[in-house]
Amino acid sequence: MTVNSLWRQGCLALLLGLAMWLALLPAARAQGVELAQVSAAKAEDGLELSFSTRFSLSPAVEDALMKGVPVYFAADVSVYRNRWYWRDVRAARSSRSWRLEWKSLTRQFRVSNEGLSRSYATLSEALSSLRGVSSWHVADLKDIEDDGRYYLEFSYRLDTSQLPKPMQIGLGAPQGWTMNVERTFQLNPDFSIRNGS
C-alpha cells in the first residue's frame, strides 16, 4: 500500500467515525427549536415540569403574523410507566397552547394562554413569554406511584393545525412553518430527569 492510499483510508475512517458520533448525539435541536432547559420534580400534588426553548420565527411566519394571522404554539407532555410484562402504560398527559397575534390598532403583540392575555411592545418580548413554562403541573399524585419507573415524552411546536384552512394547503413541505422539538426523558426514582437522557 502506498502512503497516499493509507492517508485516504485514514481520512475516510475519521469521517465515518465523526458521522457516527454526530448521529449518537441527542437531538436537542430540531427544525429550528432548541430545547435549552428541562427539569421535572415531584411536588405535593403531583409531577411538575419546567422547560425553556430558543427559536426565532422564520420570515414566512413573521410576515403572516404582521399581516394579522395569529400563530399558535403548543407543548405536550405524556408520562409513561415502564412495564416489563406488557406495553408501557400512559399515566398522564398534559397540553398547553399559546396564541400570538399582532394588533395593528394598538401596535402591540398579544400572547394568550389559558384564558389570560398580555400585550407586549416588541416581538422579542412576546416570544420570550411563550418560549417556556415554570412549574407546569403535568401529572396528579395519584397517577404516579413511588415504586414505578417512569419516562416522559415532551414536544414543543408551532401548531399549524390552528391556522386558517386556506393557509394549511401546501404546508406539508417545510417552508418556514415546520418548527418543533421532541424528546424522551427517563425519570429517576425521585421523578427528576435522569442525566444523559
N, C-alpha and C. Protein backbone atom coordinates (compact mmCIF):
# COMPACT_ATOMS: atom_id res chain seq x y z
N MET A 1 0.85 -1.19 0.00
CA MET A 1 0.00 0.00 0.00
C MET A 1 0.89 1.24 0.00
N THR A 2 0.41 2.24 -0.72
CA THR A 2 1.17 3.47 -0.79
C THR A 2 0.74 4.38 0.36
N VAL A 3 1.55 5.38 0.60
CA VAL A 3 1.25 6.36 1.65
C VAL A 3 -0.03 7.11 1.32
N ASN A 4 -0.23 7.41 0.04
CA ASN A 4 -1.42 8.13 -0.40
C ASN A 4 -2.70 7.34 -0.12
N SER A 5 -2.70 6.03 -0.40
CA SER A 5 -3.89 5.22 -0.14
C SER A 5 -4.13 5.04 1.35
N LEU A 6 -3.08 4.94 2.15
CA LEU A 6 -3.23 4.87 3.61
C LEU A 6 -3.83 6.16 4.15
N TRP A 7 -3.39 7.27 3.59
CA TRP A 7 -3.91 8.57 4.03
C TRP A 7 -5.40 8.67 3.70
N ARG A 8 -5.81 8.23 2.51
CA ARG A 8 -7.21 8.26 2.12
C ARG A 8 -8.05 7.37 3.03
N GLN A 9 -7.56 6.18 3.32
CA GLN A 9 -8.30 5.27 4.20
C GLN A 9 -8.43 5.86 5.60
N GLY A 10 -7.38 6.51 6.08
CA GLY A 10 -7.43 7.14 7.40
C GLY A 10 -8.44 8.26 7.44
N CYS A 11 -8.47 9.10 6.38
CA CYS A 11 -9.44 10.20 6.32
C CYS A 11 -10.86 9.66 6.24
N LEU A 12 -11.06 8.61 5.46
CA LEU A 12 -12.38 8.00 5.33
C LEU A 12 -12.85 7.44 6.68
N ALA A 13 -11.96 6.77 7.39
CA ALA A 13 -12.31 6.23 8.71
C ALA A 13 -12.63 7.35 9.69
N LEU A 14 -11.88 8.44 9.62
CA LEU A 14 -12.13 9.59 10.50
C LEU A 14 -13.50 10.20 10.21
N LEU A 15 -13.82 10.39 8.94
CA LEU A 15 -15.12 10.95 8.57
C LEU A 15 -16.27 10.03 8.97
N LEU A 16 -16.08 8.74 8.78
CA LEU A 16 -17.11 7.78 9.18
C LEU A 16 -17.32 7.80 10.70
N GLY A 17 -16.22 7.86 11.45
CA GLY A 17 -16.32 7.95 12.91
C GLY A 17 -17.01 9.22 13.35
N LEU A 18 -16.71 10.34 12.71
CA LEU A 18 -17.35 11.61 13.05
C LEU A 18 -18.84 11.56 12.74
N ALA A 19 -19.22 10.98 11.61
CA ALA A 19 -20.64 10.86 11.26
C ALA A 19 -21.38 10.00 12.27
N MET A 20 -20.77 8.91 12.72
CA MET A 20 -21.42 8.04 13.71
C MET A 20 -21.54 8.77 15.04
N TRP A 21 -20.54 9.53 15.43
CA TRP A 21 -20.58 10.28 16.69
C TRP A 21 -21.70 11.32 16.65
N LEU A 22 -21.83 12.04 15.53
CA LEU A 22 -22.89 13.05 15.41
C LEU A 22 -24.27 12.41 15.43
N ALA A 23 -24.39 11.21 14.87
CA ALA A 23 -25.68 10.52 14.87
C ALA A 23 -26.11 10.09 16.26
N LEU A 24 -25.15 9.88 17.16
CA LEU A 24 -25.47 9.44 18.51
C LEU A 24 -25.79 10.58 19.45
N LEU A 25 -25.50 11.82 19.06
CA LEU A 25 -25.80 12.96 19.92
C LEU A 25 -27.30 13.10 20.09
N PRO A 26 -27.78 13.48 21.30
CA PRO A 26 -29.22 13.68 21.46
C PRO A 26 -29.71 14.85 20.62
N ALA A 27 -30.88 14.67 20.03
CA ALA A 27 -31.42 15.70 19.13
C ALA A 27 -32.14 16.77 19.92
N ALA A 28 -31.38 17.63 20.62
CA ALA A 28 -31.98 18.70 21.40
C ALA A 28 -32.45 19.85 20.52
N ARG A 29 -31.92 19.91 19.30
CA ARG A 29 -32.34 20.96 18.38
C ARG A 29 -32.92 20.30 17.15
N ALA A 30 -34.14 20.64 16.85
CA ALA A 30 -34.77 20.05 15.68
C ALA A 30 -35.70 21.07 15.05
N GLN A 31 -35.60 21.23 13.75
CA GLN A 31 -36.49 22.10 13.00
C GLN A 31 -36.57 23.50 13.58
N GLY A 32 -35.43 24.09 13.94
CA GLY A 32 -35.41 25.48 14.35
C GLY A 32 -35.75 25.75 15.80
N VAL A 33 -36.05 24.74 16.60
CA VAL A 33 -36.35 24.93 18.02
C VAL A 33 -35.29 24.20 18.83
N GLU A 34 -34.66 24.92 19.74
CA GLU A 34 -33.66 24.32 20.62
C GLU A 34 -34.23 24.22 22.03
N LEU A 35 -34.16 23.04 22.61
CA LEU A 35 -34.61 22.84 23.98
C LEU A 35 -33.46 23.24 24.89
N ALA A 36 -33.55 24.43 25.48
CA ALA A 36 -32.45 24.99 26.25
C ALA A 36 -32.35 24.38 27.65
N GLN A 37 -33.50 24.12 28.28
CA GLN A 37 -33.51 23.62 29.65
C GLN A 37 -34.80 22.85 29.87
N VAL A 38 -34.69 21.75 30.61
CA VAL A 38 -35.88 20.99 31.00
C VAL A 38 -35.60 20.32 32.34
N SER A 39 -36.57 20.35 33.23
CA SER A 39 -36.43 19.69 34.54
C SER A 39 -37.80 19.24 35.02
N ALA A 40 -37.79 18.19 35.82
CA ALA A 40 -39.03 17.67 36.41
C ALA A 40 -38.80 17.49 37.90
N ALA A 41 -39.87 17.61 38.67
CA ALA A 41 -39.77 17.45 40.12
C ALA A 41 -41.12 17.01 40.67
N LYS A 42 -41.07 16.20 41.71
CA LYS A 42 -42.29 15.78 42.38
C LYS A 42 -42.69 16.85 43.38
N ALA A 43 -43.94 17.29 43.27
CA ALA A 43 -44.47 18.32 44.19
C ALA A 43 -45.52 17.68 45.08
N GLU A 44 -46.13 18.49 45.93
CA GLU A 44 -47.14 17.98 46.86
C GLU A 44 -48.35 17.39 46.14
N ASP A 45 -48.70 17.96 44.99
CA ASP A 45 -49.89 17.50 44.29
C ASP A 45 -49.59 16.70 43.03
N GLY A 46 -48.33 16.40 42.76
CA GLY A 46 -48.02 15.59 41.58
C GLY A 46 -46.67 15.90 40.98
N LEU A 47 -46.58 15.78 39.67
CA LEU A 47 -45.33 15.98 38.94
C LEU A 47 -45.38 17.31 38.22
N GLU A 48 -44.30 18.10 38.36
CA GLU A 48 -44.21 19.40 37.72
C GLU A 48 -43.05 19.41 36.74
N LEU A 49 -43.23 20.10 35.64
CA LEU A 49 -42.22 20.20 34.60
C LEU A 49 -41.92 21.67 34.33
N SER A 50 -40.65 21.97 34.15
CA SER A 50 -40.22 23.31 33.74
C SER A 50 -39.36 23.16 32.50
N PHE A 51 -39.53 24.05 31.55
CA PHE A 51 -38.71 23.99 30.34
C PHE A 51 -38.56 25.37 29.74
N SER A 52 -37.52 25.53 28.93
CA SER A 52 -37.35 26.74 28.14
C SER A 52 -36.77 26.34 26.78
N THR A 53 -37.17 27.08 25.77
CA THR A 53 -36.72 26.82 24.41
C THR A 53 -36.10 28.09 23.83
N ARG A 54 -35.38 27.89 22.73
CA ARG A 54 -34.84 29.03 21.98
C ARG A 54 -35.21 28.83 20.51
N PHE A 55 -35.74 29.86 19.91
CA PHE A 55 -36.05 29.83 18.48
C PHE A 55 -36.34 31.23 18.02
N SER A 56 -36.35 31.41 16.73
CA SER A 56 -36.81 32.65 16.13
C SER A 56 -37.77 32.30 15.01
N LEU A 57 -38.67 33.20 14.72
CA LEU A 57 -39.65 32.95 13.68
C LEU A 57 -39.00 33.08 12.31
N SER A 58 -39.43 32.23 11.40
CA SER A 58 -38.95 32.32 10.02
C SER A 58 -39.59 33.56 9.37
N PRO A 59 -39.00 34.06 8.29
CA PRO A 59 -39.60 35.21 7.60
C PRO A 59 -41.05 34.96 7.17
N ALA A 60 -41.36 33.73 6.75
CA ALA A 60 -42.74 33.42 6.31
C ALA A 60 -43.72 33.54 7.47
N VAL A 61 -43.35 33.02 8.63
CA VAL A 61 -44.24 33.08 9.80
C VAL A 61 -44.37 34.53 10.28
N GLU A 62 -43.26 35.24 10.35
CA GLU A 62 -43.31 36.62 10.81
C GLU A 62 -44.13 37.49 9.86
N ASP A 63 -44.01 37.26 8.56
CA ASP A 63 -44.79 38.02 7.57
C ASP A 63 -46.29 37.77 7.76
N ALA A 64 -46.67 36.51 7.95
CA ALA A 64 -48.09 36.20 8.17
C ALA A 64 -48.60 36.84 9.46
N LEU A 65 -47.77 36.79 10.49
CA LEU A 65 -48.15 37.39 11.78
C LEU A 65 -48.40 38.89 11.62
N MET A 66 -47.51 39.57 10.92
CA MET A 66 -47.64 41.02 10.75
C MET A 66 -48.81 41.39 9.84
N LYS A 67 -49.32 40.42 9.09
CA LYS A 67 -50.49 40.66 8.24
C LYS A 67 -51.79 40.30 8.96
N GLY A 68 -51.70 39.99 10.26
CA GLY A 68 -52.90 39.75 11.06
C GLY A 68 -53.28 38.30 11.27
N VAL A 69 -52.43 37.37 10.85
CA VAL A 69 -52.73 35.95 11.05
C VAL A 69 -52.16 35.52 12.40
N PRO A 70 -53.00 35.08 13.35
CA PRO A 70 -52.47 34.62 14.62
C PRO A 70 -51.74 33.28 14.44
N VAL A 71 -50.66 33.10 15.18
CA VAL A 71 -49.92 31.83 15.15
C VAL A 71 -49.99 31.19 16.53
N TYR A 72 -49.96 29.88 16.53
CA TYR A 72 -50.15 29.12 17.76
C TYR A 72 -48.93 28.24 18.03
N PHE A 73 -48.60 28.12 19.30
CA PHE A 73 -47.55 27.22 19.75
C PHE A 73 -48.16 26.26 20.75
N ALA A 74 -47.67 25.02 20.76
CA ALA A 74 -48.23 24.00 21.66
C ALA A 74 -47.11 23.19 22.28
N ALA A 75 -47.31 22.84 23.54
CA ALA A 75 -46.40 21.93 24.26
C ALA A 75 -47.24 20.77 24.77
N ASP A 76 -46.72 19.56 24.58
CA ASP A 76 -47.41 18.35 25.02
C ASP A 76 -46.45 17.50 25.84
N VAL A 77 -46.97 16.94 26.92
CA VAL A 77 -46.19 16.05 27.77
C VAL A 77 -47.04 14.81 28.07
N SER A 78 -46.45 13.64 27.87
CA SER A 78 -47.08 12.38 28.27
C SER A 78 -46.13 11.66 29.20
N VAL A 79 -46.66 11.20 30.34
CA VAL A 79 -45.87 10.46 31.32
C VAL A 79 -46.25 8.99 31.19
N TYR A 80 -45.24 8.14 31.01
CA TYR A 80 -45.45 6.70 30.83
C TYR A 80 -44.80 5.91 31.96
N ARG A 81 -45.44 4.83 32.33
CA ARG A 81 -44.88 3.90 33.31
C ARG A 81 -44.34 2.68 32.57
N ASN A 82 -43.07 2.35 32.82
CA ASN A 82 -42.48 1.15 32.21
C ASN A 82 -43.13 -0.10 32.78
N ARG A 83 -43.44 -1.06 31.89
CA ARG A 83 -43.94 -2.36 32.33
C ARG A 83 -43.17 -3.44 31.58
N TRP A 84 -42.63 -4.39 32.30
CA TRP A 84 -41.84 -5.44 31.67
C TRP A 84 -42.72 -6.51 31.03
N TYR A 85 -43.95 -6.64 31.48
CA TYR A 85 -44.80 -7.73 31.04
C TYR A 85 -45.75 -7.34 29.90
N TRP A 86 -45.84 -6.05 29.57
CA TRP A 86 -46.78 -5.61 28.56
C TRP A 86 -46.32 -4.25 28.05
N ARG A 87 -47.06 -3.68 27.14
CA ARG A 87 -46.71 -2.35 26.65
C ARG A 87 -46.74 -1.33 27.78
N ASP A 88 -45.91 -0.32 27.68
CA ASP A 88 -45.89 0.74 28.69
C ASP A 88 -47.26 1.44 28.71
N VAL A 89 -47.67 1.87 29.90
CA VAL A 89 -48.97 2.49 30.06
C VAL A 89 -48.80 3.99 30.28
N ARG A 90 -49.67 4.77 29.63
CA ARG A 90 -49.61 6.22 29.83
C ARG A 90 -50.29 6.56 31.16
N ALA A 91 -49.53 7.18 32.06
CA ALA A 91 -50.06 7.54 33.37
C ALA A 91 -50.73 8.90 33.36
N ALA A 92 -50.24 9.81 32.53
CA ALA A 92 -50.81 11.16 32.50
C ALA A 92 -50.45 11.84 31.19
N ARG A 93 -51.26 12.83 30.85
CA ARG A 93 -51.00 13.62 29.65
C ARG A 93 -51.45 15.05 29.92
N SER A 94 -50.65 16.00 29.43
CA SER A 94 -50.99 17.40 29.62
C SER A 94 -50.55 18.21 28.40
N SER A 95 -51.32 19.25 28.09
CA SER A 95 -51.01 20.11 26.94
C SER A 95 -51.18 21.57 27.31
N ARG A 96 -50.42 22.39 26.64
CA ARG A 96 -50.57 23.84 26.77
C ARG A 96 -50.47 24.45 25.39
N SER A 97 -51.17 25.55 25.18
CA SER A 97 -51.07 26.24 23.90
C SER A 97 -51.02 27.75 24.12
N TRP A 98 -50.38 28.43 23.19
CA TRP A 98 -50.25 29.88 23.22
C TRP A 98 -50.70 30.42 21.87
N ARG A 99 -51.37 31.57 21.92
CA ARG A 99 -51.78 32.26 20.70
C ARG A 99 -51.02 33.57 20.65
N LEU A 100 -50.31 33.79 19.56
CA LEU A 100 -49.54 35.02 19.36
C LEU A 100 -50.18 35.77 18.20
N GLU A 101 -50.49 37.04 18.44
CA GLU A 101 -51.10 37.84 17.38
C GLU A 101 -50.61 39.28 17.43
N TRP A 102 -50.66 39.92 16.28
CA TRP A 102 -50.29 41.32 16.13
C TRP A 102 -51.57 42.15 16.06
N LYS A 103 -51.69 43.14 16.96
CA LYS A 103 -52.85 44.04 16.97
C LYS A 103 -52.42 45.35 16.32
N SER A 104 -52.86 45.55 15.08
CA SER A 104 -52.40 46.72 14.33
C SER A 104 -52.95 48.04 14.89
N LEU A 105 -54.13 48.02 15.50
CA LEU A 105 -54.70 49.25 16.05
C LEU A 105 -53.89 49.77 17.23
N THR A 106 -53.49 48.88 18.11
CA THR A 106 -52.70 49.30 19.28
C THR A 106 -51.20 49.16 19.04
N ARG A 107 -50.82 48.55 17.88
CA ARG A 107 -49.43 48.33 17.51
C ARG A 107 -48.69 47.57 18.61
N GLN A 108 -49.34 46.49 19.06
CA GLN A 108 -48.76 45.64 20.10
C GLN A 108 -48.97 44.17 19.74
N PHE A 109 -48.11 43.34 20.30
CA PHE A 109 -48.26 41.89 20.17
C PHE A 109 -49.00 41.38 21.39
N ARG A 110 -49.91 40.44 21.18
CA ARG A 110 -50.66 39.87 22.29
C ARG A 110 -50.44 38.36 22.34
N VAL A 111 -50.15 37.88 23.56
CA VAL A 111 -49.99 36.45 23.80
C VAL A 111 -51.11 36.01 24.72
N SER A 112 -51.87 34.99 24.29
CA SER A 112 -52.97 34.45 25.09
C SER A 112 -52.63 33.02 25.47
N ASN A 113 -52.89 32.69 26.74
CA ASN A 113 -52.63 31.35 27.25
C ASN A 113 -53.59 31.06 28.38
N GLU A 114 -54.33 29.97 28.27
CA GLU A 114 -55.26 29.53 29.31
C GLU A 114 -56.23 30.63 29.74
N GLY A 115 -56.75 31.36 28.76
CA GLY A 115 -57.75 32.38 29.04
C GLY A 115 -57.19 33.72 29.47
N LEU A 116 -55.89 33.83 29.65
CA LEU A 116 -55.27 35.09 30.03
C LEU A 116 -54.50 35.66 28.85
N SER A 117 -54.54 37.00 28.71
CA SER A 117 -53.84 37.67 27.63
C SER A 117 -52.94 38.76 28.18
N ARG A 118 -51.84 38.96 27.48
CA ARG A 118 -50.92 40.02 27.87
C ARG A 118 -50.35 40.64 26.61
N SER A 119 -50.21 41.96 26.61
CA SER A 119 -49.70 42.68 25.44
C SER A 119 -48.23 43.03 25.63
N TYR A 120 -47.50 43.07 24.51
CA TYR A 120 -46.06 43.37 24.52
C TYR A 120 -45.77 44.36 23.42
N ALA A 121 -44.79 45.23 23.66
CA ALA A 121 -44.43 46.26 22.70
C ALA A 121 -43.60 45.71 21.54
N THR A 122 -42.81 44.66 21.79
CA THR A 122 -41.95 44.12 20.74
C THR A 122 -42.20 42.62 20.56
N LEU A 123 -41.83 42.13 19.38
CA LEU A 123 -41.98 40.71 19.08
C LEU A 123 -41.07 39.87 19.96
N SER A 124 -39.87 40.35 20.23
CA SER A 124 -38.94 39.56 21.07
C SER A 124 -39.48 39.39 22.48
N GLU A 125 -40.13 40.41 23.04
CA GLU A 125 -40.74 40.28 24.36
C GLU A 125 -41.88 39.27 24.34
N ALA A 126 -42.70 39.32 23.29
CA ALA A 126 -43.82 38.39 23.17
C ALA A 126 -43.33 36.96 23.03
N LEU A 127 -42.29 36.74 22.22
CA LEU A 127 -41.76 35.39 22.04
C LEU A 127 -41.14 34.85 23.32
N SER A 128 -40.47 35.72 24.08
CA SER A 128 -39.85 35.23 25.32
C SER A 128 -40.89 34.76 26.33
N SER A 129 -42.11 35.30 26.25
CA SER A 129 -43.16 34.89 27.18
C SER A 129 -43.75 33.52 26.86
N LEU A 130 -43.56 33.04 25.63
CA LEU A 130 -44.14 31.75 25.26
C LEU A 130 -43.09 30.69 24.96
N ARG A 131 -41.85 30.98 25.26
CA ARG A 131 -40.78 30.02 24.99
C ARG A 131 -40.58 28.99 26.10
N GLY A 132 -41.29 29.13 27.20
CA GLY A 132 -41.11 28.16 28.27
C GLY A 132 -42.15 28.30 29.36
N VAL A 133 -42.08 27.36 30.30
CA VAL A 133 -43.03 27.29 31.42
C VAL A 133 -42.25 26.88 32.66
N SER A 134 -42.67 27.40 33.79
CA SER A 134 -42.08 27.00 35.07
C SER A 134 -43.16 26.35 35.93
N SER A 135 -42.83 25.23 36.56
CA SER A 135 -43.72 24.52 37.48
C SER A 135 -45.07 24.17 36.85
N TRP A 136 -45.03 23.57 35.69
CA TRP A 136 -46.23 23.14 34.98
C TRP A 136 -46.67 21.79 35.54
N HIS A 137 -47.88 21.73 36.07
CA HIS A 137 -48.43 20.50 36.65
C HIS A 137 -48.82 19.56 35.52
N VAL A 138 -48.10 18.43 35.39
CA VAL A 138 -48.34 17.52 34.27
C VAL A 138 -48.93 16.17 34.70
N ALA A 139 -48.89 15.85 36.00
CA ALA A 139 -49.46 14.58 36.46
C ALA A 139 -49.90 14.72 37.91
N ASP A 140 -51.04 14.11 38.25
CA ASP A 140 -51.53 14.11 39.63
C ASP A 140 -50.75 13.08 40.44
N LEU A 141 -50.73 13.28 41.75
CA LEU A 141 -50.01 12.39 42.65
C LEU A 141 -50.57 10.97 42.58
N LYS A 142 -51.88 10.84 42.39
CA LYS A 142 -52.50 9.51 42.32
C LYS A 142 -52.07 8.73 41.07
N ASP A 143 -51.59 9.46 40.04
CA ASP A 143 -51.21 8.82 38.78
C ASP A 143 -49.78 8.30 38.77
N ILE A 144 -48.96 8.76 39.70
CA ILE A 144 -47.56 8.32 39.74
C ILE A 144 -47.28 7.66 41.08
N GLU A 145 -46.81 6.44 41.03
CA GLU A 145 -46.52 5.69 42.24
C GLU A 145 -45.02 5.72 42.49
N ASP A 146 -44.66 5.70 43.77
CA ASP A 146 -43.25 5.79 44.12
C ASP A 146 -42.43 4.59 43.67
N ASP A 147 -43.05 3.43 43.54
CA ASP A 147 -42.28 2.24 43.20
C ASP A 147 -42.18 2.00 41.69
N GLY A 148 -42.75 2.90 40.89
CA GLY A 148 -42.73 2.69 39.45
C GLY A 148 -41.53 3.33 38.77
N ARG A 149 -41.27 2.89 37.54
CA ARG A 149 -40.24 3.50 36.72
C ARG A 149 -40.95 4.23 35.59
N TYR A 150 -40.66 5.51 35.44
CA TYR A 150 -41.39 6.35 34.51
C TYR A 150 -40.45 7.05 33.54
N TYR A 151 -41.04 7.45 32.42
CA TYR A 151 -40.36 8.34 31.49
C TYR A 151 -41.41 9.28 30.92
N LEU A 152 -40.94 10.38 30.37
CA LEU A 152 -41.89 11.32 29.78
C LEU A 152 -41.48 11.66 28.36
N GLU A 153 -42.48 11.85 27.52
CA GLU A 153 -42.29 12.29 26.15
C GLU A 153 -42.74 13.74 26.07
N PHE A 154 -41.86 14.59 25.55
CA PHE A 154 -42.09 16.04 25.51
C PHE A 154 -42.03 16.51 24.06
N SER A 155 -42.92 17.42 23.70
CA SER A 155 -42.85 18.06 22.39
C SER A 155 -43.29 19.52 22.51
N TYR A 156 -42.65 20.35 21.70
CA TYR A 156 -42.99 21.77 21.61
C TYR A 156 -42.96 22.11 20.12
N ARG A 157 -44.02 22.79 19.64
CA ARG A 157 -44.09 23.01 18.21
C ARG A 157 -44.91 24.25 17.86
N LEU A 158 -44.69 24.71 16.64
CA LEU A 158 -45.57 25.69 16.02
C LEU A 158 -46.76 24.90 15.49
N ASP A 159 -47.95 25.19 15.99
CA ASP A 159 -49.13 24.40 15.68
C ASP A 159 -49.83 24.93 14.43
N THR A 160 -49.49 24.35 13.28
CA THR A 160 -50.08 24.81 12.02
C THR A 160 -51.52 24.34 11.84
N SER A 161 -51.98 23.41 12.67
CA SER A 161 -53.37 22.96 12.54
C SER A 161 -54.36 24.04 12.98
N GLN A 162 -53.89 25.07 13.69
CA GLN A 162 -54.75 26.16 14.14
C GLN A 162 -54.83 27.31 13.12
N LEU A 163 -54.04 27.23 12.06
CA LEU A 163 -54.06 28.28 11.05
C LEU A 163 -55.37 28.23 10.28
N PRO A 164 -55.75 29.33 9.63
CA PRO A 164 -56.94 29.29 8.76
C PRO A 164 -56.77 28.22 7.69
N LYS A 165 -57.86 27.55 7.35
CA LYS A 165 -57.81 26.42 6.42
C LYS A 165 -57.12 26.74 5.09
N PRO A 166 -57.38 27.90 4.47
CA PRO A 166 -56.69 28.17 3.20
C PRO A 166 -55.16 28.21 3.34
N MET A 167 -54.67 28.60 4.51
CA MET A 167 -53.21 28.66 4.71
C MET A 167 -52.61 27.27 4.92
N GLN A 168 -53.41 26.32 5.37
CA GLN A 168 -52.88 24.98 5.64
C GLN A 168 -52.60 24.20 4.36
N ILE A 169 -53.17 24.63 3.25
CA ILE A 169 -52.93 23.95 1.98
C ILE A 169 -51.49 24.23 1.56
N GLY A 170 -50.76 23.18 1.32
CA GLY A 170 -49.38 23.33 0.86
C GLY A 170 -48.36 23.47 1.95
N LEU A 171 -48.76 23.37 3.23
CA LEU A 171 -47.79 23.49 4.32
C LEU A 171 -47.12 22.16 4.64
N GLY A 172 -47.41 21.11 3.86
CA GLY A 172 -46.78 19.82 4.10
C GLY A 172 -45.28 19.89 3.90
N ALA A 173 -44.83 20.67 2.92
CA ALA A 173 -43.40 20.84 2.69
C ALA A 173 -42.88 21.97 3.56
N PRO A 174 -41.72 21.78 4.18
CA PRO A 174 -41.20 22.82 5.06
C PRO A 174 -40.87 24.10 4.30
N GLN A 175 -41.56 25.14 4.62
CA GLN A 175 -41.31 26.46 4.04
C GLN A 175 -41.24 27.49 5.15
N GLY A 176 -40.59 27.12 6.25
CA GLY A 176 -40.50 28.02 7.38
C GLY A 176 -41.58 27.81 8.42
N TRP A 177 -42.53 26.92 8.14
CA TRP A 177 -43.62 26.68 9.08
C TRP A 177 -43.41 25.43 9.92
N THR A 178 -42.37 24.68 9.66
CA THR A 178 -42.09 23.47 10.44
C THR A 178 -41.11 23.82 11.54
N MET A 179 -41.62 23.99 12.74
CA MET A 179 -40.78 24.27 13.91
C MET A 179 -41.23 23.35 15.03
N ASN A 180 -40.36 22.43 15.43
CA ASN A 180 -40.73 21.57 16.55
C ASN A 180 -39.49 20.90 17.14
N VAL A 181 -39.66 20.42 18.36
CA VAL A 181 -38.65 19.61 19.02
C VAL A 181 -39.39 18.54 19.81
N GLU A 182 -38.86 17.31 19.77
CA GLU A 182 -39.45 16.20 20.51
C GLU A 182 -38.33 15.47 21.23
N ARG A 183 -38.57 15.17 22.51
CA ARG A 183 -37.57 14.45 23.30
C ARG A 183 -38.24 13.47 24.24
N THR A 184 -37.53 12.41 24.59
CA THR A 184 -37.98 11.45 25.60
C THR A 184 -36.98 11.49 26.74
N PHE A 185 -37.48 11.59 27.97
CA PHE A 185 -36.62 11.69 29.15
C PHE A 185 -36.96 10.58 30.14
N GLN A 186 -35.96 9.84 30.59
CA GLN A 186 -36.14 8.86 31.66
C GLN A 186 -36.16 9.61 32.99
N LEU A 187 -37.01 9.15 33.90
CA LEU A 187 -37.13 9.78 35.21
C LEU A 187 -36.46 8.93 36.28
N ASN A 188 -35.79 9.59 37.21
CA ASN A 188 -35.19 8.91 38.37
C ASN A 188 -36.29 8.52 39.34
N PRO A 189 -35.98 7.69 40.36
CA PRO A 189 -37.00 7.34 41.37
C PRO A 189 -37.60 8.55 42.08
N ASP A 190 -36.85 9.68 42.18
CA ASP A 190 -37.42 10.89 42.80
C ASP A 190 -38.13 11.78 41.78
N PHE A 191 -38.30 11.27 40.53
CA PHE A 191 -39.00 11.93 39.44
C PHE A 191 -38.24 13.10 38.85
N SER A 192 -36.97 13.25 39.15
CA SER A 192 -36.14 14.20 38.43
C SER A 192 -35.71 13.55 37.12
N ILE A 193 -35.29 14.37 36.17
CA ILE A 193 -34.87 13.82 34.88
C ILE A 193 -33.49 13.23 35.00
N ARG A 194 -33.34 12.00 34.49
CA ARG A 194 -32.07 11.29 34.57
C ARG A 194 -31.05 11.95 33.67
N ASN A 195 -29.85 12.16 34.18
CA ASN A 195 -28.78 12.74 33.37
C ASN A 195 -28.45 11.82 32.21
N GLY A 196 -28.16 12.43 31.06
CA GLY A 196 -27.82 11.64 29.88
C GLY A 196 -29.03 11.20 29.09
N SER A 197 -30.24 11.64 29.46
CA SER A 197 -31.45 11.25 28.72
C SER A 197 -31.50 11.95 27.39
